[in-house]
Amino acid sequence: MAAPIFEGKVCIVTGAARGLGRDYARFFSEDGATVVVADIDVSGARETAESIVKKGGNALAVPVDVTDAASTEAMAAAAVHEFGRIDILVNNAGLFGDLKMTWLLDTDPNYWDVVMAVNAKGPFLCSRAVVPTMVDQGQGRLIHISSIGAWTPGTVYSVSKLAVHQISASLAAALGDLGITSNCVAPGAIWNEASQRQIDDDDSPVTVEQMESMRATFMIKRFGTSRDMYGAIRYLASDDAAWVTSQVISPNGGGTPRF
């Protein structure tokens, strides 16, 4: 029987205390990876790590504030101290479920700073923290969770996610000859806890009716799942994607076809 695809690999997943990040951490463990569960929600991170360990996996919960350089560096140091290496970073932490989804010109400038700090500065700082270890190893995978919203103008969320694409491309250009790839996964519409919190918010510009109308336009007429997203993440983290960098893969059910 073949060894699990990520056996011997150490993967950091940020924002893994709940939701999609928690699922990604569990899926990586099922594929043999040792998982560093990183989140500002320490108790939630511990619950995720404990659930992985109970199923026979190997996981470590690490607190991290992705907007703080010292915190992200401590996260990377904890992973190296405990496991000796960092092979994969999934920059999943971001503001969406709790986001104030106002139109761009209605966005408070101070709130702009909050969103950009988490959604754009966060992936930059986390990547910056793990890259020295990946350089020493001669290999690594940086995977940044963006959104189909990056191509849908209207909110600071869209701006922040499009910024992630440029961060990823710039990292790819800087690190390509060092064996480190950098790519984005930009999910389409997913029916999960975060999207449901948005729809339940009376101030959100998105309604249940709009979500259903959107679903009706998909080529595959259902909302996405964490497993759908993980398929793209898994590929980009694998050796099969060794020659894939500076790309954006968008699992979206054909909601935004490209010809």
C-alpha atoms as a PDB file:
ATOM      1  CA  MET A   1       0.000   0.000   0.000  1.00  0.00           C
ATOM      2  CA  ALA A   2       1.305   3.446  -0.935  1.00  0.00           C
ATOM      3  CA  ALA A   3       2.240   5.823   1.875  1.00  0.00           C
ATOM      4  CA  PRO A   4      -0.134   8.735   2.503  1.00  0.00           C
ATOM      5  CA  ILE A   5       0.662  11.607   0.167  1.00  0.00           C
ATOM      6  CA  PHE A   6       1.881  13.951   2.902  1.00  0.00           C
ATOM      7  CA  GLU A   7       3.583  11.456   5.194  1.00  0.00           C
ATOM      8  CA  GLY A   8       6.622  13.113   6.803  1.00  0.00           C
ATOM      9  CA  LYS A   9       5.385  16.597   5.882  1.00  0.00           C
ATOM     10  CA  VAL A  10       4.577  19.376   8.339  1.00  0.00           C
ATOM     11  CA  CYS A  11       1.690  21.654   7.398  1.00  0.00           C
ATOM     12  CA  ILE A  12       0.614  24.885   9.080  1.00  0.00           C
ATOM     13  CA  VAL A  13      -3.024  25.863   8.586  1.00  0.00           C
ATOM     14  CA  THR A  14      -3.961  29.314   9.879  1.00  0.00           C
ATOM     15  CA  GLY A  15      -7.505  30.063  10.951  1.00  0.00           C
ATOM     16  CA  ALA A  16      -7.979  26.368  11.747  1.00  0.00           C
ATOM     17  CA  ALA A  17      -9.998  26.713  14.955  1.00  0.00           C
ATOM     18  CA  ARG A  18     -13.293  26.419  13.090  1.00  0.00           C
ATOM     19  CA  GLY A  19     -15.005  26.277   9.725  1.00  0.00           C
ATOM     20  CA  LEU A  20     -13.095  25.570   6.551  1.00  0.00           C
ATOM     21  CA  GLY A  21      -9.701  25.863   8.240  1.00  0.00           C
ATOM     22  CA  ARG A  22     -10.617  23.157  10.738  1.00  0.00           C
ATOM     23  CA  ASP A  23     -11.693  20.891   7.884  1.00  0.00           C
ATOM     24  CA  TYR A  24      -8.480  21.551   5.950  1.00  0.00           C
ATOM     25  CA  ALA A  25      -6.388  20.661   9.012  1.00  0.00           C
ATOM     26  CA  ARG A  26      -8.286  17.404   9.428  1.00  0.00           C
ATOM     27  CA  PHE A  27      -8.005  16.535   5.748  1.00  0.00           C
ATOM     28  CA  PHE A  28      -4.235  17.123   5.768  1.00  0.00           C
ATOM     29  CA  SER A  29      -3.963  14.827   8.767  1.00  0.00           C
ATOM     30  CA  GLU A  30      -5.947  12.139   6.960  1.00  0.00           C
ATOM     31  CA  ASP A  31      -3.392  12.455   4.154  1.00  0.00           C
ATOM     32  CA  GLY A  32      -0.546  11.797   6.580  1.00  0.00           C
ATOM     33  CA  ALA A  33       0.657  15.314   7.394  1.00  0.00           C
ATOM     34  CA  THR A  34       1.630  16.540  10.813  1.00  0.00           C
ATOM     35  CA  VAL A  35      -0.550  19.605  11.289  1.00  0.00           C
ATOM     36  CA  VAL A  36       0.126  22.854  13.115  1.00  0.00           C
ATOM     37  CA  VAL A  37      -3.294  24.280  13.960  1.00  0.00           C
ATOM     38  CA  ALA A  38      -2.766  28.036  14.170  1.00  0.00           C
ATOM     39  CA  ASP A  39      -5.427  30.490  15.254  1.00  0.00           C
ATOM     40  CA  ILE A  40      -6.022  33.534  17.437  1.00  0.00           C
ATOM     41  CA  ASP A  41      -8.810  31.443  19.016  1.00  0.00           C
ATOM     42  CA  VAL A  42      -6.570  29.311  21.216  1.00  0.00           C
ATOM     43  CA  SER A  43      -9.305  27.111  22.693  1.00  0.00           C
ATOM     44  CA  GLY A  44     -10.731  26.400  19.242  1.00  0.00           C
ATOM     45  CA  ALA A  45      -7.270  25.553  17.915  1.00  0.00           C
ATOM     46  CA  ARG A  46      -6.769  23.123  20.775  1.00  0.00           C
ATOM     47  CA  GLU A  47     -10.113  21.474  20.063  1.00  0.00           C
ATOM     48  CA  THR A  48      -9.147  21.004  16.417  1.00  0.00           C
ATOM     49  CA  ALA A  49      -5.729  19.592  17.337  1.00  0.00           C
ATOM     50  CA  GLU A  50      -7.247  17.268  19.934  1.00  0.00           C
ATOM     51  CA  SER A  51      -9.790  15.972  17.424  1.00  0.00           C
ATOM     52  CA  ILE A  52      -6.941  15.127  15.041  1.00  0.00           C
ATOM     53  CA  VAL A  53      -4.915  13.379  17.727  1.00  0.00           C
ATOM     54  CA  LYS A  54      -7.956  11.342  18.829  1.00  0.00           C
ATOM     55  CA  LYS A  55      -8.164   9.962  15.306  1.00  0.00           C
ATOM     56  CA  GLY A  56      -4.519   8.913  15.377  1.00  0.00           C
ATOM     57  CA  GLY A  57      -3.008  11.969  13.745  1.00  0.00           C
ATOM     58  CA  ASN A  58      -0.265  14.296  14.911  1.00  0.00           C
ATOM     59  CA  ALA A  59      -1.155  17.927  15.583  1.00  0.00           C
ATOM     60  CA  LEU A  60      -0.066  20.927  17.600  1.00  0.00           C
ATOM     61  CA  ALA A  61      -2.218  23.936  18.486  1.00  0.00           C
ATOM     62  CA  VAL A  62      -0.356  27.240  18.249  1.00  0.00           C
ATOM     63  CA  PRO A  63      -1.751  30.712  19.004  1.00  0.00           C
ATOM     64  CA  VAL A  64      -1.205  33.281  16.274  1.00  0.00           C
ATOM     65  CA  ASP A  65      -2.302  36.791  15.464  1.00  0.00           C
ATOM     66  CA  VAL A  66      -1.654  36.926  11.730  1.00  0.00           C
ATOM     67  CA  THR A  67      -1.519  40.735  11.800  1.00  0.00           C
ATOM     68  CA  ASP A  68       1.471  40.735  14.160  1.00  0.00           C
ATOM     69  CA  ALA A  69       4.959  39.944  12.861  1.00  0.00           C
ATOM     70  CA  ALA A  70       6.293  38.684  16.199  1.00  0.00           C
ATOM     71  CA  SER A  71       3.299  36.377  16.591  1.00  0.00           C
ATOM     72  CA  THR A  72       3.717  34.846  13.133  1.00  0.00           C
ATOM     73  CA  GLU A  73       7.430  34.353  13.756  1.00  0.00           C
ATOM     74  CA  ALA A  74       6.621  32.615  17.042  1.00  0.00           C
ATOM     75  CA  MET A  75       4.197  30.352  15.168  1.00  0.00           C
ATOM     76  CA  ALA A  76       6.911  29.298  12.731  1.00  0.00           C
ATOM     77  CA  ALA A  77       9.423  28.839  15.531  1.00  0.00           C
ATOM     78  CA  ALA A  78       6.986  26.611  17.455  1.00  0.00           C
ATOM     79  CA  ALA A  79       6.500  24.396  14.398  1.00  0.00           C
ATOM     80  CA  VAL A  80      10.241  24.020  13.857  1.00  0.00           C
ATOM     81  CA  HIS A  81      10.927  23.451  17.542  1.00  0.00           C
ATOM     82  CA  GLU A  82       8.291  20.715  17.775  1.00  0.00           C
ATOM     83  CA  PHE A  83       8.670  19.030  14.382  1.00  0.00           C
ATOM     84  CA  GLY A  84      11.943  20.240  12.852  1.00  0.00           C
ATOM     85  CA  ARG A  85      10.531  21.519   9.575  1.00  0.00           C
ATOM     86  CA  ILE A  86       7.730  23.350   7.723  1.00  0.00           C
ATOM     87  CA  ASP A  87       6.707  21.993   4.338  1.00  0.00           C
ATOM     88  CA  ILE A  88       3.327  23.572   3.685  1.00  0.00           C
ATOM     89  CA  LEU A  89       1.663  26.804   4.764  1.00  0.00           C
ATOM     90  CA  VAL A  90      -2.046  27.298   4.117  1.00  0.00           C
ATOM     91  CA  ASN A  91      -2.879  30.960   4.642  1.00  0.00           C
ATOM     92  CA  ASN A  92      -6.526  30.403   5.454  1.00  0.00           C
ATOM     93  CA  ALA A  93      -7.110  32.934   8.261  1.00  0.00           C
ATOM     94  CA  GLY A  94      -9.261  35.808   7.115  1.00  0.00           C
ATOM     95  CA  LEU A  95     -12.251  38.002   7.805  1.00  0.00           C
ATOM     96  CA  PHE A  96     -15.443  36.923   6.067  1.00  0.00           C
ATOM     97  CA  GLY A  97     -18.072  35.353   8.312  1.00  0.00           C
ATOM     98  CA  ASP A  98     -17.832  38.244  10.780  1.00  0.00           C
ATOM     99  CA  LEU A  99     -17.122  40.831   8.099  1.00  0.00           C
ATOM    100  CA  LYS A 100     -19.103  44.058   7.847  1.00  0.00           C
ATOM    101  CA  MET A 101     -20.044  43.679   4.193  1.00  0.00           C
ATOM    102  CA  THR A 102     -20.651  47.309   3.263  1.00  0.00           C
ATOM    103  CA  TRP A 103     -20.094  48.813  -0.154  1.00  0.00           C
ATOM    104  CA  LEU A 104     -16.655  50.299  -0.666  1.00  0.00           C
ATOM    105  CA  LEU A 105     -17.527  54.000  -0.338  1.00  0.00           C
ATOM    106  CA  ASP A 106     -19.492  53.241   2.834  1.00  0.00           C
ATOM    107  CA  THR A 107     -16.515  51.538   4.465  1.00  0.00           C
ATOM    108  CA  ASP A 108     -15.049  53.265   7.494  1.00  0.00           C
ATOM    109  CA  PRO A 109     -11.328  53.923   6.799  1.00  0.00           C
ATOM    110  CA  ASN A 110     -10.387  52.398  10.148  1.00  0.00           C
ATOM    111  CA  TYR A 111     -12.306  49.243   9.272  1.00  0.00           C
ATOM    112  CA  TRP A 112     -10.501  49.158   5.916  1.00  0.00           C
ATOM    113  CA  ASP A 113      -7.273  48.880   7.912  1.00  0.00           C
ATOM    114  CA  VAL A 114      -8.672  45.987   9.973  1.00  0.00           C
ATOM    115  CA  VAL A 115      -9.745  43.979   6.928  1.00  0.00           C
ATOM    116  CA  MET A 116      -6.543  44.616   5.003  1.00  0.00           C
ATOM    117  CA  ALA A 117      -4.454  43.731   8.070  1.00  0.00           C
ATOM    118  CA  VAL A 118      -6.055  40.293   8.431  1.00  0.00           C
ATOM    119  CA  ASN A 119      -6.773  39.381   4.817  1.00  0.00           C
ATOM    120  CA  ALA A 120      -3.699  40.803   3.065  1.00  0.00           C
ATOM    121  CA  LYS A 121      -1.000  41.608   5.624  1.00  0.00           C
ATOM    122  CA  GLY A 122      -1.695  38.278   7.376  1.00  0.00           C
ATOM    123  CA  PRO A 123      -0.700  36.053   4.416  1.00  0.00           C
ATOM    124  CA  PHE A 124       2.364  38.227   3.856  1.00  0.00           C
ATOM    125  CA  LEU A 125       3.541  37.989   7.474  1.00  0.00           C
ATOM    126  CA  CYS A 126       2.857  34.264   7.798  1.00  0.00           C
ATOM    127  CA  SER A 127       4.678  33.548   4.546  1.00  0.00           C
ATOM    128  CA  ARG A 128       7.569  35.760   5.592  1.00  0.00           C
ATOM    129  CA  ALA A 129       7.805  33.817   8.869  1.00  0.00           C
ATOM    130  CA  VAL A 130       8.027  30.345   7.320  1.00  0.00           C
ATOM    131  CA  VAL A 131      10.123  31.111   4.230  1.00  0.00           C
ATOM    132  CA  PRO A 132      13.556  30.967   5.958  1.00  0.00           C
ATOM    133  CA  THR A 133      12.864  27.393   7.071  1.00  0.00           C
ATOM    134  CA  MET A 134      11.632  26.436   3.604  1.00  0.00           C
ATOM    135  CA  VAL A 135      14.724  27.999   2.028  1.00  0.00           C
ATOM    136  CA  ASP A 136      16.975  25.947   4.327  1.00  0.00           C
ATOM    137  CA  GLN A 137      15.044  22.809   3.333  1.00  0.00           C
ATOM    138  CA  GLY A 138      15.231  23.643  -0.367  1.00  0.00           C
ATOM    139  CA  GLN A 139      11.483  23.195  -0.795  1.00  0.00           C
ATOM    140  CA  GLY A 140       8.115  24.420   0.391  1.00  0.00           C
ATOM    141  CA  ARG A 141       4.537  25.188  -0.591  1.00  0.00           C
ATOM    142  CA  LEU A 142       2.760  28.477   0.103  1.00  0.00           C
ATOM    143  CA  ILE A 143      -0.987  28.268  -0.498  1.00  0.00           C
ATOM    144  CA  HIS A 144      -3.123  31.353  -0.001  1.00  0.00           C
ATOM    145  CA  ILE A 145      -6.893  31.139   0.319  1.00  0.00           C
ATOM    146  CA  SER A 146      -8.389  33.917  -1.743  1.00  0.00           C
ATOM    147  CA  SER A 147     -11.973  34.133  -3.008  1.00  0.00           C
ATOM    148  CA  ILE A 148     -13.982  34.472  -6.145  1.00  0.00           C
ATOM    149  CA  GLY A 149     -14.804  37.825  -4.577  1.00  0.00           C
ATOM    150  CA  ALA A 150     -11.389  39.039  -5.719  1.00  0.00           C
ATOM    151  CA  TRP A 151     -12.930  39.454  -9.192  1.00  0.00           C
ATOM    152  CA  THR A 152     -16.216  40.919  -7.941  1.00  0.00           C
ATOM    153  CA  PRO A 153     -15.783  44.655  -7.255  1.00  0.00           C
ATOM    154  CA  GLY A 154     -17.752  46.245  -4.473  1.00  0.00           C
ATOM    155  CA  THR A 155     -16.250  45.833  -1.002  1.00  0.00           C
ATOM    156  CA  VAL A 156     -12.988  46.065   0.886  1.00  0.00           C
ATOM    157  CA  TYR A 157     -13.154  42.259   1.075  1.00  0.00           C
ATOM    158  CA  SER A 158     -12.791  42.131  -2.712  1.00  0.00           C
ATOM    159  CA  VAL A 159      -9.847  44.510  -2.581  1.00  0.00           C
ATOM    160  CA  SER A 160      -8.134  42.483   0.136  1.00  0.00           C
ATOM    161  CA  LYS A 161      -8.513  39.197  -1.726  1.00  0.00           C
ATOM    162  CA  LEU A 162      -7.229  40.599  -4.997  1.00  0.00           C
ATOM    163  CA  ALA A 163      -4.229  41.884  -3.042  1.00  0.00           C
ATOM    164  CA  VAL A 164      -3.575  38.288  -1.956  1.00  0.00           C
ATOM    165  CA  HIS A 165      -3.172  37.317  -5.621  1.00  0.00           C
ATOM    166  CA  GLN A 166      -0.418  39.903  -6.050  1.00  0.00           C
ATOM    167  CA  ILE A 167       1.267  38.885  -2.796  1.00  0.00           C
ATOM    168  CA  SER A 168       1.267  35.283  -3.992  1.00  0.00           C
ATOM    169  CA  ALA A 169       2.654  36.200  -7.402  1.00  0.00           C
ATOM    170  CA  SER A 170       5.392  38.342  -5.880  1.00  0.00           C
ATOM    171  CA  LEU A 171       6.398  35.518  -3.515  1.00  0.00           C
ATOM    172  CA  ALA A 172       6.425  33.097  -6.424  1.00  0.00           C
ATOM    173  CA  ALA A 173       8.762  35.344  -8.379  1.00  0.00           C
ATOM    174  CA  ALA A 174      11.124  35.739  -5.442  1.00  0.00           C
ATOM    175  CA  LEU A 175      11.205  32.084  -4.401  1.00  0.00           C
ATOM    176  CA  GLY A 176      10.770  30.044  -7.576  1.00  0.00           C
ATOM    177  CA  ASP A 177      14.450  29.128  -7.978  1.00  0.00           C
ATOM    178  CA  LEU A 178      14.620  28.099  -4.314  1.00  0.00           C
ATOM    179  CA  GLY A 179      12.171  25.219  -4.654  1.00  0.00           C
ATOM    180  CA  ILE A 180       9.274  27.108  -3.086  1.00  0.00           C
ATOM    181  CA  THR A 181       5.986  27.571  -4.900  1.00  0.00           C
ATOM    182  CA  SER A 182       3.283  30.129  -4.131  1.00  0.00           C
ATOM    183  CA  ASN A 183      -0.287  29.801  -5.380  1.00  0.00           C
ATOM    184  CA  CYS A 184      -3.845  30.859  -4.566  1.00  0.00           C
ATOM    185  CA  VAL A 185      -7.090  28.965  -4.244  1.00  0.00           C
ATOM    186  CA  ALA A 186     -10.079  31.224  -4.883  1.00  0.00           C
ATOM    187  CA  PRO A 187     -13.271  29.425  -3.807  1.00  0.00           C
ATOM    188  CA  GLY A 188     -16.632  30.127  -5.332  1.00  0.00           C
ATOM    189  CA  ALA A 189     -19.848  30.136  -3.324  1.00  0.00           C
ATOM    190  CA  ILE A 190     -19.666  27.790  -0.350  1.00  0.00           C
ATOM    191  CA  TRP A 191     -22.597  27.082   1.954  1.00  0.00           C
ATOM    192  CA  ASN A 192     -20.789  26.951   5.276  1.00  0.00           C
ATOM    193  CA  GLU A 193     -20.958  28.595   8.683  1.00  0.00           C
ATOM    194  CA  ALA A 194     -19.223  31.783   7.488  1.00  0.00           C
ATOM    195  CA  SER A 195     -21.485  32.354   4.485  1.00  0.00           C
ATOM    196  CA  GLN A 196     -24.553  31.605   6.578  1.00  0.00           C
ATOM    197  CA  ARG A 197     -23.477  34.183   9.154  1.00  0.00           C
ATOM    198  CA  GLN A 198     -23.220  36.736   6.364  1.00  0.00           C
ATOM    199  CA  ILE A 199     -26.707  35.986   5.072  1.00  0.00           C
ATOM    200  CA  ASP A 200     -28.161  36.081   8.573  1.00  0.00           C
ATOM    201  CA  ASP A 201     -26.744  39.587   9.020  1.00  0.00           C
ATOM    202  CA  ASP A 202     -29.465  42.140   8.263  1.00  0.00           C
ATOM    203  CA  ASP A 203     -26.831  44.603   7.011  1.00  0.00           C
ATOM    204  CA  SER A 204     -25.330  42.199   4.481  1.00  0.00           C
ATOM    205  CA  PRO A 205     -25.840  43.052   0.785  1.00  0.00           C
ATOM    206  CA  VAL A 206     -26.243  39.296   0.106  1.00  0.00           C
ATOM    207  CA  THR A 207     -29.581  37.551   0.697  1.00  0.00           C
ATOM    208  CA  VAL A 208     -30.688  33.912   0.600  1.00  0.00           C
ATOM    209  CA  GLU A 209     -32.577  34.663  -2.604  1.00  0.00           C
ATOM    210  CA  GLN A 210     -29.432  36.065  -4.213  1.00  0.00           C
ATOM    211  CA  MET A 211     -27.448  33.006  -3.163  1.00  0.00           C
ATOM    212  CA  GLU A 212     -30.069  30.722  -4.694  1.00  0.00           C
ATOM    213  CA  SER A 213     -30.122  32.768  -7.886  1.00  0.00           C
ATOM    214  CA  MET A 214     -26.350  32.489  -8.020  1.00  0.00           C
ATOM    215  CA  ARG A 215     -26.467  28.715  -7.549  1.00  0.00           C
ATOM    216  CA  ALA A 216     -28.890  28.404 -10.449  1.00  0.00           C
ATOM    217  CA  THR A 217     -26.262  29.887 -12.791  1.00  0.00           C
ATOM    218  CA  PHE A 218     -23.582  27.343 -11.874  1.00  0.00           C
ATOM    219  CA  MET A 219     -22.702  24.604 -14.350  1.00  0.00           C
ATOM    220  CA  ILE A 220     -22.609  22.216 -11.373  1.00  0.00           C
ATOM    221  CA  LYS A 221     -25.737  23.291  -9.564  1.00  0.00           C
ATOM    222  CA  ARG A 222     -24.721  23.049  -5.953  1.00  0.00           C
ATOM    223  CA  PHE A 223     -22.682  25.061  -3.493  1.00  0.00           C
ATOM    224  CA  GLY A 224     -19.089  24.107  -2.826  1.00  0.00           C
ATOM    225  CA  THR A 225     -17.821  22.207   0.198  1.00  0.00           C
ATOM    226  CA  SER A 226     -14.610  22.170   2.169  1.00  0.00           C
ATOM    227  CA  ARG A 227     -13.748  18.884   0.447  1.00  0.00           C
ATOM    228  CA  ASP A 228     -14.117  20.575  -2.954  1.00  0.00           C
ATOM    229  CA  MET A 229     -11.693  23.287  -1.853  1.00  0.00           C
ATOM    230  CA  TYR A 230      -9.273  20.807  -0.335  1.00  0.00           C
ATOM    231  CA  GLY A 231      -8.938  19.019  -3.662  1.00  0.00           C
ATOM    232  CA  ALA A 232      -7.282  22.129  -5.106  1.00  0.00           C
ATOM    233  CA  ILE A 233      -5.252  22.782  -1.956  1.00  0.00           C
ATOM    234  CA  ARG A 234      -4.071  19.157  -1.856  1.00  0.00           C
ATOM    235  CA  TYR A 235      -2.888  19.327  -5.450  1.00  0.00           C
ATOM    236  CA  LEU A 236      -0.953  22.560  -4.952  1.00  0.00           C
ATOM    237  CA  ALA A 237       0.673  21.159  -1.794  1.00  0.00           C
ATOM    238  CA  SER A 238       1.737  17.947  -3.514  1.00  0.00           C
ATOM    239  CA  ASP A 239       4.778  17.008  -5.548  1.00  0.00           C
ATOM    240  CA  ASP A 240       2.493  16.885  -8.604  1.00  0.00           C
ATOM    241  CA  ALA A 241       2.437  20.683  -8.504  1.00  0.00           C
ATOM    242  CA  ALA A 242       6.225  21.139  -8.331  1.00  0.00           C
ATOM    243  CA  TRP A 243       6.158  23.166 -11.582  1.00  0.00           C
ATOM    244  CA  VAL A 244       3.025  25.157 -10.714  1.00  0.00           C
ATOM    245  CA  THR A 245       3.537  28.583  -9.186  1.00  0.00           C
ATOM    246  CA  SER A 246       2.022  32.088  -9.340  1.00  0.00           C
ATOM    247  CA  GLN A 247      -1.364  30.596 -10.266  1.00  0.00           C
ATOM    248  CA  VAL A 248      -4.920  31.075  -9.035  1.00  0.00           C
ATOM    249  CA  ILE A 249      -7.104  27.969  -9.030  1.00  0.00           C
ATOM    250  CA  SER A 250     -10.805  28.689  -8.571  1.00  0.00           C
ATOM    251  CA  PRO A 251     -13.058  25.758  -7.648  1.00  0.00           C
ATOM    252  CA  ASN A 252     -16.448  27.355  -8.302  1.00  0.00           C
ATOM    253  CA  GLY A 253     -18.747  24.841  -9.978  1.00  0.00           C
ATOM    254  CA  GLY A 254     -18.473  26.686 -13.277  1.00  0.00           C
ATOM    255  CA  GLY A 255     -19.889  29.835 -11.733  1.00  0.00           C
ATOM    256  CA  THR A 256     -17.180  31.898 -13.407  1.00  0.00           C
ATOM    257  CA  PRO A 257     -16.089  29.960 -16.489  1.00  0.00           C
ATOM    258  CA  ARG A 258     -12.915  31.027 -18.240  1.00  0.00           C
ATOM    259  CA  PHE A 259     -12.410  30.400 -21.939  1.00  0.00           C
END
